[in-house]
């Protein structure tokens, strides 16, 4: 099993190089992301589908010539620019991600306006409940991090109040309280007709994070 700490990598990249990579790989992920709904909705004929697959196979061959052997992990540089580009919810390089762009308010509330295309369908015309959980896990976790109580998801409890429509949605979260290594966070997803899913999460700081936090606090 991969050591989680080892996947926090200081790659020492300059801000210029990070920007260059973002400008290169971000649009690639967007291109791949755009293929997902096309693969579901396309009514191309047999020959067109075969030709499209030939192009996709050629692209896969090119992209697969050089690749990282494992997960992207969380990478950062000496300036503290953290990048989770492989993340399934916010990853700049992950076509599975909507992606979420999480914003922070001065009061500690975090929020994201995002779009879920037909590739996220569960019940007919609506978002899969597991995708709602993915979004809320990320947003609630970000609220814990912003509140200086980052941790791994211990529990995530969802209440599905109404079906979540595909399309434009809003998610937000805030810390309710902190008890030792545990941050208790609440949040929701809302659609055009109001709140669709409510969530409560408990995020538990691993011991190595708790130790690092204690060290920083002792130096303040």
N, C-alpha and C. Protein backbone atom coordinates (compact mmCIF):
# COMPACT_ATOMS: atom_id res chain seq x y z
N UNK A 1 0.85 -1.20 0.00
CA UNK A 1 0.00 0.00 0.00
C UNK A 1 0.88 1.24 0.00
N UNK A 2 0.52 2.24 -0.81
CA UNK A 2 1.32 3.45 -0.92
C UNK A 2 1.24 4.27 0.36
N UNK A 3 2.38 4.73 0.85
CA UNK A 3 2.43 5.62 2.00
C UNK A 3 1.85 6.97 1.59
N UNK A 4 0.77 7.39 2.30
CA UNK A 4 0.09 8.63 1.92
C UNK A 4 1.04 9.82 1.99
N UNK A 5 1.86 9.89 3.02
CA UNK A 5 2.76 11.03 3.19
C UNK A 5 3.70 11.16 2.00
N UNK A 6 4.12 10.02 1.42
CA UNK A 6 5.06 10.05 0.30
C UNK A 6 4.45 10.64 -0.96
N UNK A 7 3.12 10.76 -1.00
CA UNK A 7 2.46 11.33 -2.16
C UNK A 7 2.24 12.84 -2.03
N UNK A 8 2.79 13.44 -0.98
CA UNK A 8 2.90 14.89 -0.87
C UNK A 8 4.31 15.24 -1.32
N UNK A 9 4.43 15.75 -2.53
CA UNK A 9 5.72 15.85 -3.20
C UNK A 9 6.10 17.30 -3.45
N UNK A 10 7.26 17.70 -2.95
CA UNK A 10 7.81 19.01 -3.29
C UNK A 10 8.60 18.83 -4.59
N UNK A 11 8.01 19.26 -5.71
CA UNK A 11 8.68 19.07 -6.99
C UNK A 11 9.53 20.27 -7.38
N UNK A 12 9.51 21.34 -6.57
CA UNK A 12 10.39 22.48 -6.79
C UNK A 12 10.15 23.26 -8.06
N UNK A 13 8.96 23.12 -8.67
CA UNK A 13 8.71 23.83 -9.92
C UNK A 13 8.55 25.33 -9.68
N UNK A 14 8.98 26.13 -10.64
CA UNK A 14 8.78 27.57 -10.56
C UNK A 14 7.32 27.89 -10.85
N UNK A 15 6.89 29.08 -10.46
CA UNK A 15 5.52 29.51 -10.76
C UNK A 15 5.30 29.57 -12.27
N UNK A 16 6.33 29.95 -13.00
CA UNK A 16 6.21 30.03 -14.47
C UNK A 16 5.99 28.65 -15.07
N UNK A 17 6.70 27.65 -14.56
CA UNK A 17 6.55 26.30 -15.09
C UNK A 17 5.19 25.72 -14.72
N UNK A 18 4.71 26.01 -13.52
CA UNK A 18 3.38 25.55 -13.12
C UNK A 18 2.32 26.16 -14.03
N UNK A 19 2.45 27.45 -14.32
CA UNK A 19 1.51 28.12 -15.21
C UNK A 19 1.57 27.52 -16.62
N UNK A 20 2.77 27.19 -17.08
CA UNK A 20 2.93 26.60 -18.41
C UNK A 20 2.22 25.25 -18.47
N UNK A 21 2.43 24.42 -17.43
CA UNK A 21 1.79 23.11 -17.41
C UNK A 21 0.28 23.22 -17.32
N UNK A 22 -0.21 24.17 -16.52
CA UNK A 22 -1.65 24.36 -16.40
C UNK A 22 -2.26 24.75 -17.75
N UNK A 23 -1.56 25.62 -18.48
CA UNK A 23 -2.06 26.06 -19.78
C UNK A 23 -2.01 24.95 -20.82
N UNK A 24 -1.14 23.97 -20.61
CA UNK A 24 -1.01 22.85 -21.55
C UNK A 24 -1.98 21.72 -21.23
N UNK A 25 -1.98 21.28 -19.96
CA UNK A 25 -2.75 20.09 -19.60
C UNK A 25 -4.21 20.40 -19.24
N UNK A 26 -4.49 21.62 -18.81
CA UNK A 26 -5.88 21.96 -18.51
C UNK A 26 -6.78 21.84 -19.72
N UNK A 27 -6.42 22.44 -20.85
CA UNK A 27 -7.25 22.28 -22.06
C UNK A 27 -7.35 20.83 -22.54
N UNK A 28 -6.28 20.04 -22.33
CA UNK A 28 -6.35 18.62 -22.70
C UNK A 28 -7.45 17.92 -21.90
N UNK A 29 -7.49 18.19 -20.58
CA UNK A 29 -8.53 17.59 -19.75
C UNK A 29 -9.92 18.06 -20.20
N UNK A 30 -10.03 19.33 -20.59
CA UNK A 30 -11.31 19.84 -21.08
C UNK A 30 -11.74 19.11 -22.35
N UNK A 31 -10.78 18.87 -23.24
CA UNK A 31 -11.09 18.14 -24.47
C UNK A 31 -11.60 16.73 -24.16
N UNK A 32 -10.91 16.05 -23.25
CA UNK A 32 -11.33 14.69 -22.89
C UNK A 32 -12.67 14.72 -22.18
N UNK A 33 -12.86 15.71 -21.30
CA UNK A 33 -14.13 15.86 -20.58
C UNK A 33 -15.29 16.04 -21.56
N UNK A 34 -15.04 16.80 -22.62
CA UNK A 34 -16.09 17.03 -23.61
C UNK A 34 -16.48 15.79 -24.39
N UNK A 35 -15.59 14.79 -24.42
CA UNK A 35 -15.91 13.55 -25.12
C UNK A 35 -16.90 12.69 -24.35
N UNK A 36 -16.95 12.87 -23.03
CA UNK A 36 -17.80 11.99 -22.21
C UNK A 36 -19.27 12.11 -22.59
N UNK A 37 -19.86 13.32 -22.59
CA UNK A 37 -21.26 13.40 -23.02
C UNK A 37 -21.46 13.04 -24.49
N UNK A 38 -20.45 13.30 -25.33
CA UNK A 38 -20.58 12.91 -26.73
C UNK A 38 -20.65 11.40 -26.88
N UNK A 39 -19.90 10.68 -26.06
CA UNK A 39 -19.94 9.23 -26.12
C UNK A 39 -21.31 8.67 -25.75
N UNK A 40 -22.05 9.44 -24.95
CA UNK A 40 -23.39 9.01 -24.55
C UNK A 40 -24.45 9.45 -25.56
N UNK A 41 -24.33 10.69 -26.05
CA UNK A 41 -25.40 11.28 -26.85
C UNK A 41 -25.22 11.16 -28.35
N UNK A 42 -24.02 10.83 -28.82
CA UNK A 42 -23.77 10.82 -30.26
C UNK A 42 -24.66 9.83 -31.00
N UNK A 43 -25.12 10.27 -32.16
CA UNK A 43 -25.88 9.40 -33.06
C UNK A 43 -25.10 9.17 -34.36
N UNK A 44 -23.77 9.23 -34.26
CA UNK A 44 -22.93 9.00 -35.44
C UNK A 44 -23.17 7.60 -36.00
N UNK A 45 -22.97 7.48 -37.33
CA UNK A 45 -23.20 6.16 -37.94
C UNK A 45 -22.02 5.24 -37.70
N UNK A 46 -22.11 4.02 -38.17
CA UNK A 46 -21.12 2.99 -37.88
C UNK A 46 -19.71 3.40 -38.31
N UNK A 47 -19.59 3.87 -39.55
CA UNK A 47 -18.27 4.24 -40.07
C UNK A 47 -17.69 5.42 -39.29
N UNK A 48 -18.53 6.39 -38.94
CA UNK A 48 -18.05 7.55 -38.19
C UNK A 48 -17.55 7.14 -36.81
N UNK A 49 -18.26 6.23 -36.16
CA UNK A 49 -17.81 5.76 -34.84
C UNK A 49 -16.47 5.03 -34.97
N UNK A 50 -16.33 4.21 -36.00
CA UNK A 50 -15.06 3.49 -36.19
C UNK A 50 -13.91 4.47 -36.43
N UNK A 51 -14.16 5.52 -37.23
CA UNK A 51 -13.10 6.51 -37.49
C UNK A 51 -12.76 7.30 -36.24
N UNK A 52 -13.77 7.63 -35.45
CA UNK A 52 -13.52 8.34 -34.20
C UNK A 52 -12.67 7.49 -33.26
N UNK A 53 -12.95 6.21 -33.21
CA UNK A 53 -12.17 5.32 -32.34
C UNK A 53 -10.72 5.21 -32.82
N UNK A 54 -10.51 5.27 -34.11
CA UNK A 54 -9.13 5.25 -34.63
C UNK A 54 -8.38 6.48 -34.16
N UNK A 55 -9.03 7.64 -34.19
CA UNK A 55 -8.40 8.87 -33.72
C UNK A 55 -8.12 8.80 -32.22
N UNK A 56 -9.07 8.25 -31.47
CA UNK A 56 -8.88 8.13 -30.02
C UNK A 56 -7.73 7.17 -29.70
N UNK A 57 -7.64 6.09 -30.46
CA UNK A 57 -6.54 5.14 -30.25
C UNK A 57 -5.20 5.80 -30.54
N UNK A 58 -5.15 6.64 -31.58
CA UNK A 58 -3.92 7.35 -31.90
C UNK A 58 -3.55 8.32 -30.77
N UNK A 59 -4.54 9.02 -30.24
CA UNK A 59 -4.29 9.94 -29.14
C UNK A 59 -3.80 9.19 -27.91
N UNK A 60 -4.41 8.04 -27.62
CA UNK A 60 -3.99 7.25 -26.46
C UNK A 60 -2.55 6.78 -26.61
N UNK A 61 -2.18 6.42 -27.83
CA UNK A 61 -0.80 5.97 -28.07
C UNK A 61 0.18 7.10 -27.83
N UNK A 62 -0.15 8.31 -28.28
CA UNK A 62 0.73 9.46 -28.10
C UNK A 62 0.86 9.81 -26.62
N UNK A 63 -0.27 9.90 -25.94
CA UNK A 63 -0.26 10.31 -24.54
C UNK A 63 0.35 9.25 -23.63
N UNK A 64 0.31 8.00 -24.06
CA UNK A 64 0.83 6.93 -23.22
C UNK A 64 2.32 6.67 -23.37
N UNK A 65 3.01 7.40 -24.24
CA UNK A 65 4.43 7.14 -24.45
C UNK A 65 5.27 7.44 -23.22
N UNK A 66 4.93 8.51 -22.53
CA UNK A 66 5.62 8.85 -21.27
C UNK A 66 4.55 9.18 -20.24
N UNK A 67 4.63 8.50 -19.09
CA UNK A 67 3.59 8.70 -18.09
C UNK A 67 4.15 8.43 -16.70
N UNK A 68 3.53 9.05 -15.69
CA UNK A 68 3.90 8.77 -14.31
C UNK A 68 3.45 7.36 -13.95
N UNK A 69 4.23 6.67 -13.11
CA UNK A 69 3.89 5.29 -12.79
C UNK A 69 2.79 5.14 -11.74
N UNK A 70 2.48 6.21 -11.00
CA UNK A 70 1.51 6.10 -9.92
C UNK A 70 0.58 7.28 -9.85
N UNK A 71 -0.12 7.46 -8.73
CA UNK A 71 -1.05 8.59 -8.58
C UNK A 71 -0.33 9.93 -8.68
N UNK A 72 -1.08 10.96 -9.05
CA UNK A 72 -0.50 12.30 -9.11
C UNK A 72 -0.15 12.80 -7.72
N UNK A 73 -0.98 12.45 -6.75
CA UNK A 73 -0.73 12.90 -5.38
C UNK A 73 -0.99 14.39 -5.24
N UNK A 74 -0.40 14.97 -4.22
CA UNK A 74 -0.46 16.42 -4.01
C UNK A 74 0.95 16.96 -4.16
N UNK A 75 1.13 17.85 -5.10
CA UNK A 75 2.46 18.39 -5.38
C UNK A 75 2.50 19.87 -5.00
N UNK A 76 3.66 20.31 -4.60
CA UNK A 76 3.81 21.71 -4.20
C UNK A 76 5.23 22.16 -4.48
N UNK A 77 5.41 23.49 -4.44
CA UNK A 77 6.75 24.03 -4.64
C UNK A 77 7.20 24.78 -3.39
N UNK A 78 8.35 25.40 -3.46
CA UNK A 78 8.90 26.09 -2.28
C UNK A 78 8.05 27.29 -1.87
N UNK A 79 7.22 27.79 -2.79
CA UNK A 79 6.35 28.93 -2.47
C UNK A 79 5.04 28.50 -1.83
N UNK A 80 4.84 27.18 -1.70
CA UNK A 80 3.61 26.69 -1.10
C UNK A 80 2.44 26.63 -2.06
N UNK A 81 2.71 26.53 -3.35
CA UNK A 81 1.67 26.38 -4.36
C UNK A 81 1.30 24.89 -4.43
N UNK A 82 0.19 24.52 -3.79
CA UNK A 82 -0.23 23.13 -3.74
C UNK A 82 -1.11 22.80 -4.94
N UNK A 83 -0.89 21.61 -5.53
CA UNK A 83 -1.63 21.20 -6.71
C UNK A 83 -2.10 19.75 -6.55
N UNK A 84 -3.42 19.57 -6.60
CA UNK A 84 -4.00 18.23 -6.59
C UNK A 84 -4.67 18.00 -7.94
N UNK A 85 -3.87 18.00 -8.98
CA UNK A 85 -4.39 17.98 -10.34
C UNK A 85 -4.99 16.65 -10.74
N UNK A 86 -4.78 15.60 -9.94
CA UNK A 86 -5.41 14.32 -10.24
C UNK A 86 -6.71 14.09 -9.50
N UNK A 87 -7.10 15.03 -8.64
CA UNK A 87 -8.28 14.89 -7.79
C UNK A 87 -9.55 14.72 -8.61
N UNK A 88 -10.42 13.79 -8.19
CA UNK A 88 -11.62 13.46 -8.95
C UNK A 88 -12.70 14.54 -8.90
N UNK A 89 -12.55 15.51 -7.99
CA UNK A 89 -13.54 16.59 -7.90
C UNK A 89 -13.01 17.91 -8.42
N UNK A 90 -11.72 18.19 -8.17
CA UNK A 90 -11.18 19.51 -8.52
C UNK A 90 -9.96 19.45 -9.44
N UNK A 91 -9.54 18.25 -9.82
CA UNK A 91 -8.28 18.09 -10.54
C UNK A 91 -8.24 18.75 -11.90
N UNK A 92 -7.27 19.63 -12.10
CA UNK A 92 -7.11 20.32 -13.38
C UNK A 92 -6.83 19.35 -14.52
N UNK A 93 -6.19 18.21 -14.21
CA UNK A 93 -5.85 17.24 -15.24
C UNK A 93 -6.79 16.05 -15.28
N UNK A 94 -7.85 16.08 -14.47
CA UNK A 94 -8.74 14.93 -14.38
C UNK A 94 -10.06 15.23 -15.09
N UNK A 95 -10.29 14.54 -16.20
CA UNK A 95 -11.51 14.77 -16.98
C UNK A 95 -12.76 14.28 -16.28
N UNK A 96 -12.61 13.45 -15.25
CA UNK A 96 -13.76 13.01 -14.47
C UNK A 96 -14.30 14.15 -13.61
N UNK A 97 -13.41 15.05 -13.17
CA UNK A 97 -13.80 16.17 -12.31
C UNK A 97 -14.71 17.13 -13.07
N UNK A 98 -15.74 17.73 -12.40
CA UNK A 98 -16.65 18.64 -13.12
C UNK A 98 -15.97 19.78 -13.88
N UNK A 99 -14.92 20.48 -13.44
CA UNK A 99 -14.29 20.43 -12.12
C UNK A 99 -14.89 21.49 -11.20
N UNK A 100 -14.74 21.28 -9.89
CA UNK A 100 -15.16 22.28 -8.93
C UNK A 100 -14.09 23.36 -8.80
N UNK A 101 -14.52 24.60 -8.72
CA UNK A 101 -13.64 25.71 -8.39
C UNK A 101 -14.16 26.30 -7.09
N UNK A 102 -13.49 25.96 -6.00
CA UNK A 102 -13.99 26.29 -4.67
C UNK A 102 -13.50 27.67 -4.23
N UNK A 103 -14.43 28.50 -3.80
CA UNK A 103 -14.14 29.86 -3.36
C UNK A 103 -14.30 29.95 -1.84
N UNK A 104 -13.59 30.89 -1.24
CA UNK A 104 -13.60 31.06 0.21
C UNK A 104 -14.08 32.45 0.59
N UNK A 105 -14.95 32.50 1.58
CA UNK A 105 -15.44 33.77 2.11
C UNK A 105 -14.71 34.10 3.42
N UNK A 106 -14.67 35.38 3.81
CA UNK A 106 -13.96 35.77 5.04
C UNK A 106 -14.48 35.07 6.29
N UNK A 107 -15.76 34.68 6.29
CA UNK A 107 -16.32 34.01 7.47
C UNK A 107 -16.01 32.52 7.51
N UNK A 108 -15.21 32.02 6.56
CA UNK A 108 -14.85 30.62 6.54
C UNK A 108 -15.74 29.74 5.69
N UNK A 109 -16.82 30.31 5.18
CA UNK A 109 -17.70 29.54 4.29
C UNK A 109 -17.00 29.32 2.95
N UNK A 110 -17.16 28.13 2.39
CA UNK A 110 -16.64 27.86 1.05
C UNK A 110 -17.81 27.51 0.14
N UNK A 111 -17.66 27.79 -1.15
CA UNK A 111 -18.74 27.52 -2.09
C UNK A 111 -18.19 27.28 -3.48
N UNK A 112 -19.03 26.65 -4.30
CA UNK A 112 -18.67 26.41 -5.70
C UNK A 112 -19.92 26.39 -6.55
N UNK A 113 -19.88 27.11 -7.66
CA UNK A 113 -20.89 26.99 -8.70
C UNK A 113 -20.31 26.09 -9.78
N UNK A 114 -21.05 25.09 -10.20
CA UNK A 114 -20.49 24.10 -11.12
C UNK A 114 -21.58 23.53 -12.01
N UNK A 115 -21.15 22.77 -13.01
CA UNK A 115 -22.07 22.20 -14.00
C UNK A 115 -21.84 20.70 -14.08
N UNK A 116 -22.91 19.93 -13.97
CA UNK A 116 -22.82 18.48 -14.13
C UNK A 116 -23.54 18.08 -15.42
N UNK A 117 -22.76 17.59 -16.39
CA UNK A 117 -23.33 17.21 -17.68
C UNK A 117 -23.96 15.82 -17.60
N UNK A 118 -24.47 15.35 -18.72
CA UNK A 118 -25.24 14.11 -18.70
C UNK A 118 -24.39 12.88 -18.37
N UNK A 119 -23.08 13.03 -18.33
CA UNK A 119 -22.23 11.91 -17.91
C UNK A 119 -22.32 11.62 -16.42
N UNK A 120 -22.98 12.49 -15.66
CA UNK A 120 -23.13 12.30 -14.21
C UNK A 120 -24.53 11.82 -13.85
N UNK A 121 -25.27 11.32 -14.83
CA UNK A 121 -26.65 10.93 -14.61
C UNK A 121 -26.77 9.68 -13.76
N UNK A 122 -27.76 9.70 -12.86
CA UNK A 122 -28.16 8.51 -12.10
C UNK A 122 -29.61 8.23 -12.45
N UNK A 123 -30.57 8.67 -11.58
CA UNK A 123 -31.98 8.60 -12.00
C UNK A 123 -32.18 9.43 -13.26
N UNK A 124 -33.09 9.01 -14.09
CA UNK A 124 -33.28 9.65 -15.39
C UNK A 124 -33.36 11.17 -15.27
N UNK A 125 -32.41 11.85 -15.94
CA UNK A 125 -32.41 13.30 -15.97
C UNK A 125 -31.86 13.98 -14.73
N UNK A 126 -31.35 13.18 -13.80
CA UNK A 126 -30.88 13.74 -12.53
C UNK A 126 -29.50 13.20 -12.17
N UNK A 127 -28.87 13.87 -11.23
CA UNK A 127 -27.50 13.53 -10.83
C UNK A 127 -27.48 12.25 -9.99
N UNK A 128 -26.50 11.41 -10.26
CA UNK A 128 -26.30 10.20 -9.46
C UNK A 128 -26.00 10.59 -8.02
N UNK A 129 -26.61 9.90 -7.08
CA UNK A 129 -26.41 10.22 -5.67
C UNK A 129 -24.96 10.12 -5.24
N UNK A 130 -24.21 9.20 -5.84
CA UNK A 130 -22.80 9.07 -5.50
C UNK A 130 -21.98 10.25 -5.97
N UNK A 131 -22.41 10.89 -7.07
CA UNK A 131 -21.72 12.08 -7.55
C UNK A 131 -21.98 13.24 -6.59
N UNK A 132 -23.20 13.34 -6.08
CA UNK A 132 -23.49 14.35 -5.06
C UNK A 132 -22.59 14.15 -3.85
N UNK A 133 -22.39 12.91 -3.46
CA UNK A 133 -21.50 12.61 -2.33
C UNK A 133 -20.07 13.03 -2.63
N UNK A 134 -19.62 12.79 -3.85
CA UNK A 134 -18.28 13.20 -4.26
C UNK A 134 -18.11 14.71 -4.10
N UNK A 135 -19.07 15.46 -4.62
CA UNK A 135 -19.00 16.92 -4.56
C UNK A 135 -19.00 17.40 -3.12
N UNK A 136 -19.89 16.87 -2.31
CA UNK A 136 -20.01 17.33 -0.93
C UNK A 136 -18.80 16.91 -0.09
N UNK A 137 -18.27 15.75 -0.35
CA UNK A 137 -17.05 15.32 0.36
C UNK A 137 -15.93 16.32 0.11
N UNK A 138 -15.79 16.77 -1.13
CA UNK A 138 -14.74 17.72 -1.47
C UNK A 138 -15.00 19.08 -0.82
N UNK A 139 -16.21 19.60 -0.96
CA UNK A 139 -16.51 20.94 -0.47
C UNK A 139 -16.46 20.99 1.05
N UNK A 140 -16.99 19.98 1.72
CA UNK A 140 -16.91 19.95 3.18
C UNK A 140 -15.46 19.81 3.64
N UNK A 141 -14.69 18.99 2.93
CA UNK A 141 -13.27 18.85 3.27
C UNK A 141 -12.51 20.14 3.09
N UNK A 142 -12.86 20.90 2.05
CA UNK A 142 -12.21 22.20 1.85
C UNK A 142 -12.57 23.17 2.97
N UNK A 143 -13.81 23.10 3.45
CA UNK A 143 -14.21 23.97 4.56
C UNK A 143 -13.39 23.64 5.81
N UNK A 144 -13.14 22.36 6.05
CA UNK A 144 -12.31 21.97 7.19
C UNK A 144 -10.89 22.49 7.02
N UNK A 145 -10.36 22.38 5.80
CA UNK A 145 -9.00 22.86 5.54
C UNK A 145 -8.90 24.37 5.72
N UNK A 146 -9.87 25.11 5.14
CA UNK A 146 -9.86 26.56 5.27
C UNK A 146 -9.95 26.99 6.73
N UNK A 147 -10.68 26.20 7.51
CA UNK A 147 -10.81 26.49 8.93
C UNK A 147 -9.64 26.00 9.77
N UNK A 148 -8.54 25.66 9.08
CA UNK A 148 -7.30 25.21 9.75
C UNK A 148 -7.50 23.93 10.55
N UNK A 149 -8.42 23.08 10.08
CA UNK A 149 -8.65 21.77 10.69
C UNK A 149 -8.74 20.71 9.61
N UNK A 150 -7.71 20.62 8.74
CA UNK A 150 -7.78 19.66 7.64
C UNK A 150 -7.75 18.23 8.15
N UNK A 151 -8.38 17.34 7.40
CA UNK A 151 -8.38 15.94 7.82
C UNK A 151 -8.94 15.04 6.73
N UNK A 152 -8.92 13.76 7.02
CA UNK A 152 -9.49 12.76 6.13
C UNK A 152 -10.95 12.54 6.53
N UNK A 153 -11.78 12.16 5.55
CA UNK A 153 -13.19 11.95 5.84
C UNK A 153 -13.36 10.77 6.79
N UNK A 154 -13.98 11.05 7.96
CA UNK A 154 -14.31 9.98 8.89
C UNK A 154 -15.70 9.45 8.62
N UNK A 155 -16.66 10.35 8.57
CA UNK A 155 -18.03 10.00 8.19
C UNK A 155 -18.59 11.11 7.30
N UNK A 156 -19.51 10.72 6.41
CA UNK A 156 -20.21 11.68 5.56
C UNK A 156 -21.66 11.22 5.51
N UNK A 157 -22.53 12.02 6.07
CA UNK A 157 -23.95 11.68 6.14
C UNK A 157 -24.74 12.60 5.23
N UNK A 158 -25.51 12.02 4.31
CA UNK A 158 -26.26 12.80 3.33
C UNK A 158 -27.76 12.63 3.55
N UNK A 159 -28.48 13.71 3.28
CA UNK A 159 -29.95 13.68 3.24
C UNK A 159 -30.37 14.20 1.88
N UNK A 160 -30.97 13.32 1.09
CA UNK A 160 -31.41 13.69 -0.26
C UNK A 160 -32.83 14.24 -0.15
N UNK A 161 -32.94 15.56 -0.19
CA UNK A 161 -34.23 16.21 0.04
C UNK A 161 -35.09 16.24 -1.22
N UNK A 162 -34.48 16.34 -2.38
CA UNK A 162 -35.21 16.29 -3.65
C UNK A 162 -34.22 15.86 -4.73
N UNK A 163 -34.70 15.33 -5.85
CA UNK A 163 -33.78 14.94 -6.92
C UNK A 163 -32.94 16.13 -7.38
N UNK A 164 -31.67 15.88 -7.60
CA UNK A 164 -30.74 16.92 -8.05
C UNK A 164 -30.70 16.94 -9.57
N UNK A 165 -31.11 18.02 -10.21
CA UNK A 165 -31.14 18.05 -11.68
C UNK A 165 -29.74 18.17 -12.27
N UNK A 166 -29.54 17.58 -13.42
CA UNK A 166 -28.32 17.83 -14.16
C UNK A 166 -28.28 19.29 -14.57
N UNK A 167 -27.07 19.83 -14.73
CA UNK A 167 -26.94 21.22 -15.15
C UNK A 167 -26.19 22.06 -14.15
N UNK A 168 -26.58 23.32 -14.02
CA UNK A 168 -25.88 24.26 -13.15
C UNK A 168 -26.34 24.11 -11.71
N UNK A 169 -25.36 23.97 -10.80
CA UNK A 169 -25.64 23.72 -9.39
C UNK A 169 -24.74 24.57 -8.50
N UNK A 170 -25.07 24.62 -7.22
CA UNK A 170 -24.31 25.39 -6.24
C UNK A 170 -24.09 24.52 -5.01
N UNK A 171 -22.87 24.52 -4.50
CA UNK A 171 -22.56 23.80 -3.26
C UNK A 171 -21.85 24.74 -2.30
N UNK A 172 -22.10 24.55 -1.01
CA UNK A 172 -21.39 25.35 -0.02
C UNK A 172 -21.28 24.58 1.29
N UNK A 173 -20.34 25.01 2.14
CA UNK A 173 -20.11 24.32 3.41
C UNK A 173 -19.41 25.25 4.39
N UNK A 174 -19.51 24.91 5.67
CA UNK A 174 -18.80 25.65 6.71
C UNK A 174 -18.58 24.73 7.91
N UNK A 175 -17.57 25.04 8.70
CA UNK A 175 -17.31 24.28 9.92
C UNK A 175 -18.39 24.60 10.95
N UNK A 176 -18.92 23.55 11.56
CA UNK A 176 -19.87 23.72 12.66
C UNK A 176 -19.13 23.81 13.99
N UNK A 177 -18.14 22.92 14.17
CA UNK A 177 -17.35 22.94 15.41
C UNK A 177 -16.13 22.06 15.23
N UNK A 178 -15.16 22.24 16.12
CA UNK A 178 -13.94 21.42 16.12
C UNK A 178 -13.76 20.84 17.51
N UNK A 179 -13.49 19.54 17.55
CA UNK A 179 -13.24 18.85 18.81
C UNK A 179 -11.96 18.05 18.67
N UNK A 180 -10.87 18.59 19.18
CA UNK A 180 -9.59 17.91 19.07
C UNK A 180 -9.18 17.74 17.62
N UNK A 181 -8.96 16.51 17.20
CA UNK A 181 -8.55 16.22 15.83
C UNK A 181 -9.73 16.14 14.87
N UNK A 182 -10.95 16.33 15.36
CA UNK A 182 -12.14 16.18 14.53
C UNK A 182 -12.77 17.53 14.20
N UNK A 183 -13.04 17.75 12.91
CA UNK A 183 -13.78 18.93 12.47
C UNK A 183 -15.15 18.47 11.99
N UNK A 184 -16.18 19.08 12.51
CA UNK A 184 -17.56 18.76 12.14
C UNK A 184 -18.04 19.85 11.17
N UNK A 185 -18.42 19.43 9.96
CA UNK A 185 -18.71 20.37 8.88
C UNK A 185 -20.09 20.09 8.32
N UNK A 186 -20.80 21.16 7.94
CA UNK A 186 -22.14 21.00 7.35
C UNK A 186 -22.15 21.71 5.99
N UNK A 187 -23.00 21.24 5.09
CA UNK A 187 -23.08 21.86 3.78
C UNK A 187 -24.25 21.32 2.98
N UNK A 188 -24.35 21.78 1.73
CA UNK A 188 -25.46 21.33 0.89
C UNK A 188 -25.16 21.58 -0.58
N UNK A 189 -25.94 20.96 -1.43
CA UNK A 189 -26.00 21.24 -2.87
C UNK A 189 -27.38 21.80 -3.16
N UNK A 190 -27.44 22.86 -3.95
CA UNK A 190 -28.72 23.46 -4.33
C UNK A 190 -28.82 23.55 -5.84
N UNK A 191 -30.05 23.39 -6.33
CA UNK A 191 -30.35 23.57 -7.74
C UNK A 191 -31.27 24.77 -7.92
N UNK A 192 -31.86 24.92 -9.09
CA UNK A 192 -32.74 26.08 -9.36
C UNK A 192 -33.93 26.17 -8.41
N UNK A 193 -34.38 25.01 -7.87
CA UNK A 193 -35.56 25.00 -7.00
C UNK A 193 -35.23 24.91 -5.52
N UNK A 194 -33.95 25.11 -5.18
CA UNK A 194 -33.58 25.08 -3.77
C UNK A 194 -32.65 23.93 -3.43
N UNK A 195 -32.49 23.70 -2.11
CA UNK A 195 -31.55 22.68 -1.63
C UNK A 195 -32.02 21.29 -2.03
N UNK A 196 -31.08 20.52 -2.60
CA UNK A 196 -31.36 19.15 -3.04
C UNK A 196 -30.77 18.12 -2.07
N UNK A 197 -29.55 18.37 -1.63
CA UNK A 197 -28.85 17.43 -0.76
C UNK A 197 -28.20 18.19 0.39
N UNK A 198 -28.40 17.71 1.60
CA UNK A 198 -27.72 18.25 2.78
C UNK A 198 -26.68 17.24 3.25
N UNK A 199 -25.62 17.75 3.86
CA UNK A 199 -24.55 16.84 4.30
C UNK A 199 -23.97 17.30 5.62
N UNK A 200 -23.55 16.31 6.40
CA UNK A 200 -22.77 16.53 7.63
C UNK A 200 -21.56 15.61 7.54
N UNK A 201 -20.39 16.15 7.79
CA UNK A 201 -19.18 15.35 7.70
C UNK A 201 -18.29 15.54 8.91
N UNK A 202 -17.56 14.49 9.25
CA UNK A 202 -16.55 14.55 10.30
C UNK A 202 -15.21 14.28 9.63
N UNK A 203 -14.29 15.23 9.75
CA UNK A 203 -12.98 15.13 9.13
C UNK A 203 -11.93 15.02 10.24
N UNK A 204 -11.16 13.96 10.17
CA UNK A 204 -10.22 13.64 11.25
C UNK A 204 -8.80 13.85 10.78
N UNK A 205 -8.06 14.68 11.50
CA UNK A 205 -6.66 14.96 11.13
C UNK A 205 -5.81 13.73 11.43
N UNK A 206 -5.09 13.18 10.42
CA UNK A 206 -4.14 12.10 10.70
C UNK A 206 -3.10 12.57 11.70
N UNK A 207 -2.47 11.63 12.37
CA UNK A 207 -1.54 12.00 13.43
C UNK A 207 -0.41 12.88 12.91
N UNK A 208 0.06 12.61 11.67
CA UNK A 208 1.18 13.41 11.16
C UNK A 208 0.76 14.85 10.91
N UNK A 209 -0.51 15.07 10.54
CA UNK A 209 -1.00 16.44 10.38
C UNK A 209 -1.16 17.10 11.75
N UNK A 210 -1.72 16.35 12.70
CA UNK A 210 -1.89 16.89 14.05
C UNK A 210 -0.54 17.27 14.66
N UNK A 211 0.48 16.43 14.44
CA UNK A 211 1.81 16.73 14.98
C UNK A 211 2.38 17.99 14.34
N UNK A 212 2.20 18.12 13.00
CA UNK A 212 2.73 19.30 12.30
C UNK A 212 2.01 20.56 12.77
N UNK A 213 0.70 20.47 12.98
CA UNK A 213 -0.07 21.62 13.46
C UNK A 213 0.40 22.03 14.85
N UNK A 214 0.61 21.05 15.74
CA UNK A 214 1.06 21.34 17.09
C UNK A 214 2.42 22.01 17.07
N UNK A 215 3.29 21.58 16.14
CA UNK A 215 4.63 22.17 16.05
C UNK A 215 4.53 23.63 15.63
N UNK A 216 3.67 23.93 14.64
CA UNK A 216 3.51 25.30 14.17
C UNK A 216 2.93 26.17 15.28
N UNK A 217 1.91 25.65 15.97
CA UNK A 217 1.27 26.43 17.03
C UNK A 217 2.24 26.72 18.18
N UNK A 218 3.16 25.80 18.44
CA UNK A 218 4.11 26.01 19.52
C UNK A 218 5.14 27.07 19.18
N UNK A 219 5.29 27.36 17.87
CA UNK A 219 6.25 28.37 17.41
C UNK A 219 5.62 29.76 17.31
N UNK A 220 4.25 29.81 17.36
CA UNK A 220 3.58 31.10 17.25
C UNK A 220 3.76 31.94 18.53
